[in-house]
């Protein structure tokens, strides 16, 4: 489901809710989740840890590394 479809479906659901307490709970939940983005795991990493993650990501895109990984998995199956 696309972002536009999700938003549209959420708007329809919310528009159909008449319970104020439920609407307040949904508002609080969505607000909390939006604010939590600033406290993600990524933001808790040091610069050197972030670099290590990015280096590992780059290495994972190297087909030679993927082939070697596949061969290792085959050996241990």
PDB file of N, CA and C in Angstrom:
ATOM      1  N   UNK A   1       0.851  -1.172   0.000  1.00  0.00           N
ATOM      2  CA  UNK A   1       0.000   0.000   0.000  1.00  0.00           C
ATOM      3  C   UNK A   1       0.899   1.238   0.000  1.00  0.00           C
ATOM      4  N   UNK A   2       0.568   2.179  -0.851  1.00  0.00           N
ATOM      5  CA  UNK A   2       1.393   3.386  -0.968  1.00  0.00           C
ATOM      6  C   UNK A   2       1.156   4.326   0.205  1.00  0.00           C
ATOM      7  N   UNK A   3       2.038   5.293   0.340  1.00  0.00           N
ATOM      8  CA  UNK A   3       1.909   6.287   1.400  1.00  0.00           C
ATOM      9  C   UNK A   3       0.610   7.065   1.255  1.00  0.00           C
ATOM     10  N   UNK A   4       0.266   7.424   0.032  1.00  0.00           N
ATOM     11  CA  UNK A   4      -0.971   8.178  -0.221  1.00  0.00           C
ATOM     12  C   UNK A   4      -2.188   7.348   0.192  1.00  0.00           C
ATOM     13  N   UNK A   5      -2.184   6.056  -0.169  1.00  0.00           N
ATOM     14  CA  UNK A   5      -3.296   5.179   0.210  1.00  0.00           C
ATOM     15  C   UNK A   5      -3.389   5.024   1.725  1.00  0.00           C
ATOM     16  N   UNK A   6      -2.237   4.848   2.376  1.00  0.00           N
ATOM     17  CA  UNK A   6      -2.230   4.716   3.834  1.00  0.00           C
ATOM     18  C   UNK A   6      -2.801   5.963   4.505  1.00  0.00           C
ATOM     19  N   UNK A   7      -2.355   7.127   4.051  1.00  0.00           N
ATOM     20  CA  UNK A   7      -2.858   8.374   4.628  1.00  0.00           C
ATOM     21  C   UNK A   7      -4.354   8.514   4.414  1.00  0.00           C
ATOM     22  N   UNK A   8      -4.804   8.199   3.220  1.00  0.00           N
ATOM     23  CA  UNK A   8      -6.230   8.292   2.913  1.00  0.00           C
ATOM     24  C   UNK A   8      -7.045   7.357   3.807  1.00  0.00           C
ATOM     25  N   UNK A   9      -6.555   6.110   3.949  1.00  0.00           N
ATOM     26  CA  UNK A   9      -7.253   5.149   4.814  1.00  0.00           C
ATOM     27  C   UNK A   9      -7.271   5.605   6.265  1.00  0.00           C
ATOM     28  N   UNK A  10      -6.160   6.153   6.729  1.00  0.00           N
ATOM     29  CA  UNK A  10      -6.112   6.657   8.106  1.00  0.00           C
ATOM     30  C   UNK A  10      -7.093   7.814   8.304  1.00  0.00           C
ATOM     31  N   UNK A  11      -7.115   8.726   7.335  1.00  0.00           N
ATOM     32  CA  UNK A  11      -8.051   9.853   7.431  1.00  0.00           C
ATOM     33  C   UNK A  11      -9.486   9.356   7.494  1.00  0.00           C
ATOM     34  N   UNK A  12      -9.826   8.366   6.669  1.00  0.00           N
ATOM     35  CA  UNK A  12     -11.185   7.814   6.676  1.00  0.00           C
ATOM     36  C   UNK A  12     -11.508   7.173   8.020  1.00  0.00           C
ATOM     37  N   UNK A  13     -10.559   6.415   8.552  1.00  0.00           N
ATOM     38  CA  UNK A  13     -10.780   5.780   9.856  1.00  0.00           C
ATOM     39  C   UNK A  13     -10.981   6.827  10.950  1.00  0.00           C
ATOM     40  N   UNK A  14     -10.117   7.805  10.953  1.00  0.00           N
ATOM     41  CA  UNK A  14     -10.179   8.842  11.982  1.00  0.00           C
ATOM     42  C   UNK A  14     -11.462   9.654  11.865  1.00  0.00           C
ATOM     43  N   UNK A  15     -11.852   9.978  10.635  1.00  0.00           N
ATOM     44  CA  UNK A  15     -13.090  10.730  10.426  1.00  0.00           C
ATOM     45  C   UNK A  15     -14.315   9.983  10.942  1.00  0.00           C
ATOM     46  N   UNK A  16     -14.239   8.662  10.953  1.00  0.00           N
ATOM     47  CA  UNK A  16     -15.365   7.859  11.425  1.00  0.00           C
ATOM     48  C   UNK A  16     -15.405   7.654  12.930  1.00  0.00           C
ATOM     49  N   UNK A  17     -14.387   8.071  13.645  1.00  0.00           N
ATOM     50  CA  UNK A  17     -14.322   7.885  15.100  1.00  0.00           C
ATOM     51  C   UNK A  17     -15.013   9.058  15.798  1.00  0.00           C
ATOM     52  N   UNK A  18     -15.931   8.750  16.686  1.00  0.00           N
ATOM     53  CA  UNK A  18     -16.645   9.776  17.439  1.00  0.00           C
ATOM     54  C   UNK A  18     -16.196   9.834  18.904  1.00  0.00           C
ATOM     55  N   UNK A  19     -15.424   8.848  19.328  1.00  0.00           N
ATOM     56  CA  UNK A  19     -14.986   8.738  20.721  1.00  0.00           C
ATOM     57  C   UNK A  19     -13.786   9.666  20.952  1.00  0.00           C
ATOM     58  N   UNK A  20     -13.993  10.703  21.751  1.00  0.00           N
ATOM     59  CA  UNK A  20     -12.945  11.696  22.002  1.00  0.00           C
ATOM     60  C   UNK A  20     -11.728  11.078  22.671  1.00  0.00           C
ATOM     61  N   UNK A  21     -11.957  10.183  23.623  1.00  0.00           N
ATOM     62  CA  UNK A  21     -10.828   9.556  24.318  1.00  0.00           C
ATOM     63  C   UNK A  21      -9.978   8.722  23.358  1.00  0.00           C
ATOM     64  N   UNK A  22     -10.627   8.019  22.446  1.00  0.00           N
ATOM     65  CA  UNK A  22      -9.889   7.233  21.464  1.00  0.00           C
ATOM     66  C   UNK A  22      -9.097   8.153  20.540  1.00  0.00           C
ATOM     67  N   UNK A  23      -9.696   9.239  20.119  1.00  0.00           N
ATOM     68  CA  UNK A  23      -8.993  10.198  19.265  1.00  0.00           C
ATOM     69  C   UNK A  23      -7.787  10.801  19.987  1.00  0.00           C
ATOM     70  N   UNK A  24      -7.960  11.115  21.271  1.00  0.00           N
ATOM     71  CA  UNK A  24      -6.842  11.640  22.058  1.00  0.00           C
ATOM     72  C   UNK A  24      -5.727  10.605  22.162  1.00  0.00           C
ATOM     73  N   UNK A  25      -6.096   9.347  22.359  1.00  0.00           N
ATOM     74  CA  UNK A  25      -5.099   8.273  22.455  1.00  0.00           C
ATOM     75  C   UNK A  25      -4.347   8.123  21.139  1.00  0.00           C
ATOM     76  N   UNK A  26      -5.063   8.164  20.031  1.00  0.00           N
ATOM     77  CA  UNK A  26      -4.413   8.077  18.718  1.00  0.00           C
ATOM     78  C   UNK A  26      -3.486   9.262  18.493  1.00  0.00           C
ATOM     79  N   UNK A  27      -3.938  10.430  18.877  1.00  0.00           N
ATOM     80  CA  UNK A  27      -3.108  11.632  18.732  1.00  0.00           C
ATOM     81  C   UNK A  27      -1.823  11.495  19.539  1.00  0.00           C
ATOM     82  N   UNK A  28      -1.970  11.065  20.786  1.00  0.00           N
ATOM     83  CA  UNK A  28      -0.794  10.893  21.653  1.00  0.00           C
ATOM     84  C   UNK A  28       0.165   9.852  21.086  1.00  0.00           C
ATOM     85  N   UNK A  29      -0.382   8.731  20.609  1.00  0.00           N
ATOM     86  CA  UNK A  29       0.441   7.673  20.040  1.00  0.00           C
ATOM     87  C   UNK A  29       1.210   8.172  18.825  1.00  0.00           C
ATOM     88  N   UNK A  30       0.526   8.819  17.908  1.00  0.00           N
ATOM     89  CA  UNK A  30       1.190   9.307  16.699  1.00  0.00           C
ATOM     90  C   UNK A  30       2.215  10.384  17.023  1.00  0.00           C
ATOM     91  N   UNK A  31       1.888  11.267  17.955  1.00  0.00           N
ATOM     92  CA  UNK A  31       2.837  12.316  18.349  1.00  0.00           C
ATOM     93  C   UNK A  31       4.083  11.711  18.974  1.00  0.00           C
ATOM     94  N   UNK A  32       3.888  10.721  19.826  1.00  0.00           N
ATOM     95  CA  UNK A  32       5.017  10.070  20.491  1.00  0.00           C
ATOM     96  C   UNK A  32       5.911   9.362  19.478  1.00  0.00           C
ATOM     97  N   UNK A  33       5.304   8.656  18.524  1.00  0.00           N
ATOM     98  CA  UNK A  33       6.081   7.948  17.510  1.00  0.00           C
ATOM     99  C   UNK A  33       6.857   8.920  16.626  1.00  0.00           C
ATOM    100  N   UNK A  34       6.243  10.039  16.289  1.00  0.00           N
ATOM    101  CA  UNK A  34       6.921  11.029  15.460  1.00  0.00           C
ATOM    102  C   UNK A  34       8.122  11.604  16.204  1.00  0.00           C
ATOM    103  N   UNK A  35       7.950  11.887  17.481  1.00  0.00           N
ATOM    104  CA  UNK A  35       9.046  12.439  18.287  1.00  0.00           C
ATOM    105  C   UNK A  35      10.123  11.403  18.575  1.00  0.00           C
ATOM    106  N   UNK A  36       9.762  10.138  18.562  1.00  0.00           N
ATOM    107  CA  UNK A  36      10.726   9.077  18.861  1.00  0.00           C
ATOM    108  C   UNK A  36      11.766   8.936  17.758  1.00  0.00           C
ATOM    109  N   UNK A  37      11.463   9.423  16.557  1.00  0.00           N
ATOM    110  CA  UNK A  37      12.422   9.312  15.462  1.00  0.00           C
ATOM    111  C   UNK A  37      13.754   9.942  15.826  1.00  0.00           C
ATOM    112  N   UNK A  38      13.735  10.981  16.624  1.00  0.00           N
ATOM    113  CA  UNK A  38      14.969  11.657  17.025  1.00  0.00           C
ATOM    114  C   UNK A  38      15.798  10.783  17.959  1.00  0.00           C
ATOM    115  N   UNK A  39      15.169   9.776  18.556  1.00  0.00           N
ATOM    116  CA  UNK A  39      15.876   8.910  19.494  1.00  0.00           C
ATOM    117  C   UNK A  39      16.130   7.535  18.900  1.00  0.00           C
ATOM    118  N   UNK A  40      16.380   7.463  17.640  1.00  0.00           N
ATOM    119  CA  UNK A  40      16.590   6.174  16.990  1.00  0.00           C
ATOM    120  C   UNK A  40      17.934   5.578  17.362  1.00  0.00           C
ATOM    121  N   UNK A  41      18.061   4.324  17.053  1.00  0.00           N
ATOM    122  CA  UNK A  41      19.328   3.635  17.299  1.00  0.00           C
ATOM    123  C   UNK A  41      20.464   4.334  16.576  1.00  0.00           C
ATOM    124  N   UNK A  42      20.210   4.742  15.342  1.00  0.00           N
ATOM    125  CA  UNK A  42      21.254   5.400  14.547  1.00  0.00           C
ATOM    126  C   UNK A  42      21.790   6.623  15.271  1.00  0.00           C
ATOM    127  N   UNK A  43      20.904   7.415  15.827  1.00  0.00           N
ATOM    128  CA  UNK A  43      21.355   8.639  16.490  1.00  0.00           C
ATOM    129  C   UNK A  43      22.111   8.349  17.782  1.00  0.00           C
ATOM    130  N   UNK A  44      21.958   7.136  18.293  1.00  0.00           N
ATOM    131  CA  UNK A  44      22.672   6.799  19.526  1.00  0.00           C
ATOM    132  C   UNK A  44      24.091   6.293  19.253  1.00  0.00           C
ATOM    133  N   UNK A  45      24.402   6.033  17.976  1.00  0.00           N
ATOM    134  CA  UNK A  45      25.732   5.528  17.630  1.00  0.00           C
ATOM    135  C   UNK A  45      26.754   6.654  17.550  1.00  0.00           C
ATOM    136  N   UNK A  46      27.979   6.313  17.875  1.00  0.00           N
ATOM    137  CA  UNK A  46      29.069   7.278  17.713  1.00  0.00           C
ATOM    138  C   UNK A  46      29.398   7.401  16.227  1.00  0.00           C
ATOM    139  N   UNK A  47      30.168   8.403  15.886  1.00  0.00           N
ATOM    140  CA  UNK A  47      30.547   8.601  14.485  1.00  0.00           C
ATOM    141  C   UNK A  47      31.318   7.397  13.943  1.00  0.00           C
ATOM    142  N   UNK A  48      32.221   6.828  14.763  1.00  0.00           N
ATOM    143  CA  UNK A  48      32.992   5.664  14.296  1.00  0.00           C
ATOM    144  C   UNK A  48      32.076   4.444  14.122  1.00  0.00           C
ATOM    145  N   UNK A  49      31.085   4.287  14.988  1.00  0.00           N
ATOM    146  CA  UNK A  49      30.148   3.174  14.843  1.00  0.00           C
ATOM    147  C   UNK A  49      29.304   3.348  13.580  1.00  0.00           C
ATOM    148  N   UNK A  50      28.886   4.566  13.314  1.00  0.00           N
ATOM    149  CA  UNK A  50      28.123   4.831  12.092  1.00  0.00           C
ATOM    150  C   UNK A  50      28.957   4.509  10.857  1.00  0.00           C
ATOM    151  N   UNK A  51      30.243   4.881  10.904  1.00  0.00           N
ATOM    152  CA  UNK A  51      31.126   4.601   9.775  1.00  0.00           C
ATOM    153  C   UNK A  51      31.256   3.097   9.571  1.00  0.00           C
ATOM    154  N   UNK A  52      31.393   2.340  10.662  1.00  0.00           N
ATOM    155  CA  UNK A  52      31.493   0.887  10.552  1.00  0.00           C
ATOM    156  C   UNK A  52      30.236   0.289   9.917  1.00  0.00           C
ATOM    157  N   UNK A  53      29.096   0.780  10.320  1.00  0.00           N
ATOM    158  CA  UNK A  53      27.839   0.291   9.752  1.00  0.00           C
ATOM    159  C   UNK A  53      27.784   0.596   8.258  1.00  0.00           C
ATOM    160  N   UNK A  54      28.139   1.818   7.891  1.00  0.00           N
ATOM    161  CA  UNK A  54      28.105   2.201   6.476  1.00  0.00           C
ATOM    162  C   UNK A  54      29.129   1.410   5.658  1.00  0.00           C
ATOM    163  N   UNK A  55      30.299   1.159   6.231  1.00  0.00           N
ATOM    164  CA  UNK A  55      31.301   0.343   5.545  1.00  0.00           C
ATOM    165  C   UNK A  55      30.773  -1.074   5.319  1.00  0.00           C
ATOM    166  N   UNK A  56      30.155  -1.644   6.338  1.00  0.00           N
ATOM    167  CA  UNK A  56      29.596  -2.989   6.219  1.00  0.00           C
ATOM    168  C   UNK A  56      28.488  -3.013   5.166  1.00  0.00           C
ATOM    169  N   UNK A  57      27.682  -1.962   5.129  1.00  0.00           N
ATOM    170  CA  UNK A  57      26.629  -1.873   4.123  1.00  0.00           C
ATOM    171  C   UNK A  57      27.236  -1.841   2.721  1.00  0.00           C
ATOM    172  N   UNK A  58      28.251  -1.028   2.541  1.00  0.00           N
ATOM    173  CA  UNK A  58      28.909  -0.951   1.235  1.00  0.00           C
ATOM    174  C   UNK A  58      29.486  -2.308   0.842  1.00  0.00           C
ATOM    175  N   UNK A  59      30.113  -2.997   1.789  1.00  0.00           N
ATOM    176  CA  UNK A  59      30.680  -4.314   1.512  1.00  0.00           C
ATOM    177  C   UNK A  59      29.588  -5.314   1.147  1.00  0.00           C
ATOM    178  N   UNK A  60      28.425  -5.177   1.741  1.00  0.00           N
ATOM    179  CA  UNK A  60      27.337  -6.116   1.452  1.00  0.00           C
ATOM    180  C   UNK A  60      26.821  -5.968   0.028  1.00  0.00           C
ATOM    181  N   UNK A  61      27.070  -4.829  -0.592  1.00  0.00           N
ATOM    182  CA  UNK A  61      26.651  -4.617  -1.975  1.00  0.00           C
ATOM    183  C   UNK A  61      27.666  -5.134  -2.981  1.00  0.00           C
ATOM    184  N   UNK A  62      28.805  -5.589  -2.504  1.00  0.00           N
ATOM    185  CA  UNK A  62      29.843  -6.126  -3.373  1.00  0.00           C
ATOM    186  C   UNK A  62      29.480  -7.571  -3.710  1.00  0.00           C
ATOM    187  N   UNK A  63      29.228  -7.882  -4.991  1.00  0.00           N
ATOM    188  CA  UNK A  63      28.833  -9.247  -5.374  1.00  0.00           C
ATOM    189  C   UNK A  63      29.841 -10.309  -4.954  1.00  0.00           C
ATOM    190  N   UNK A  64      31.114  -9.961  -4.908  1.00  0.00           N
ATOM    191  CA  UNK A  64      32.126 -10.941  -4.487  1.00  0.00           C
ATOM    192  C   UNK A  64      31.886 -11.370  -3.043  1.00  0.00           C
ATOM    193  N   UNK A  65      31.497 -10.435  -2.195  1.00  0.00           N
ATOM    194  CA  UNK A  65      31.217 -10.771  -0.795  1.00  0.00           C
ATOM    195  C   UNK A  65      29.959 -11.610  -0.675  1.00  0.00           C
ATOM    196  N   UNK A  66      28.977 -11.338  -1.493  1.00  0.00           N
ATOM    197  CA  UNK A  66      27.739 -12.108  -1.450  1.00  0.00           C
ATOM    198  C   UNK A  66      27.973 -13.534  -1.914  1.00  0.00           C
ATOM    199  N   UNK A  67      28.788 -13.709  -2.914  1.00  0.00           N
ATOM    200  CA  UNK A  67      29.104 -15.047  -3.403  1.00  0.00           C
ATOM    201  C   UNK A  67      29.822 -15.841  -2.323  1.00  0.00           C
ATOM    202  N   UNK A  68      30.782 -15.211  -1.697  1.00  0.00           N
ATOM    203  CA  UNK A  68      31.527 -15.894  -0.638  1.00  0.00           C
ATOM    204  C   UNK A  68      30.587 -16.284   0.495  1.00  0.00           C
ATOM    205  N   UNK A  69      29.667 -15.425   0.832  1.00  0.00           N
ATOM    206  CA  UNK A  69      28.714 -15.714   1.904  1.00  0.00           C
ATOM    207  C   UNK A  69      27.835 -16.900   1.523  1.00  0.00           C
ATOM    208  N   UNK A  70      27.382 -16.947   0.270  1.00  0.00           N
ATOM    209  CA  UNK A  70      26.555 -18.060  -0.201  1.00  0.00           C
ATOM    210  C   UNK A  70      27.319 -19.374  -0.121  1.00  0.00           C
ATOM    211  N   UNK A  71      28.587 -19.342  -0.489  1.00  0.00           N
ATOM    212  CA  UNK A  71      29.407 -20.556  -0.444  1.00  0.00           C
ATOM    213  C   UNK A  71      29.582 -21.033   0.995  1.00  0.00           C
ATOM    214  N   UNK A  72      29.781 -20.121   1.904  1.00  0.00           N
ATOM    215  CA  UNK A  72      29.927 -20.489   3.316  1.00  0.00           C
ATOM    216  C   UNK A  72      28.639 -21.122   3.827  1.00  0.00           C
ATOM    217  N   UNK A  73      27.506 -20.533   3.479  1.00  0.00           N
ATOM    218  CA  UNK A  73      26.224 -21.100   3.917  1.00  0.00           C
ATOM    219  C   UNK A  73      26.027 -22.509   3.370  1.00  0.00           C
ATOM    220  N   UNK A  74      26.407 -22.740   2.126  1.00  0.00           N
ATOM    221  CA  UNK A  74      26.261 -24.063   1.521  1.00  0.00           C
ATOM    222  C   UNK A  74      27.118 -25.086   2.263  1.00  0.00           C
ATOM    223  N   UNK A  75      28.293 -24.698   2.715  1.00  0.00           N
ATOM    224  CA  UNK A  75      29.192 -25.626   3.410  1.00  0.00           C
ATOM    225  C   UNK A  75      28.571 -26.112   4.712  1.00  0.00           C
ATOM    226  N   UNK A  76      27.813 -25.249   5.386  1.00  0.00           N
ATOM    227  CA  UNK A  76      27.313 -25.581   6.708  1.00  0.00           C
ATOM    228  C   UNK A  76      25.869 -26.023   6.735  1.00  0.00           C
ATOM    229  N   UNK A  77      25.296 -26.247   5.589  1.00  0.00           N
ATOM    230  CA  UNK A  77      23.894 -26.720   5.561  1.00  0.00           C
ATOM    231  C   UNK A  77      23.838 -28.224   5.588  1.00  0.00           C
TER     232      UNK A  77
END
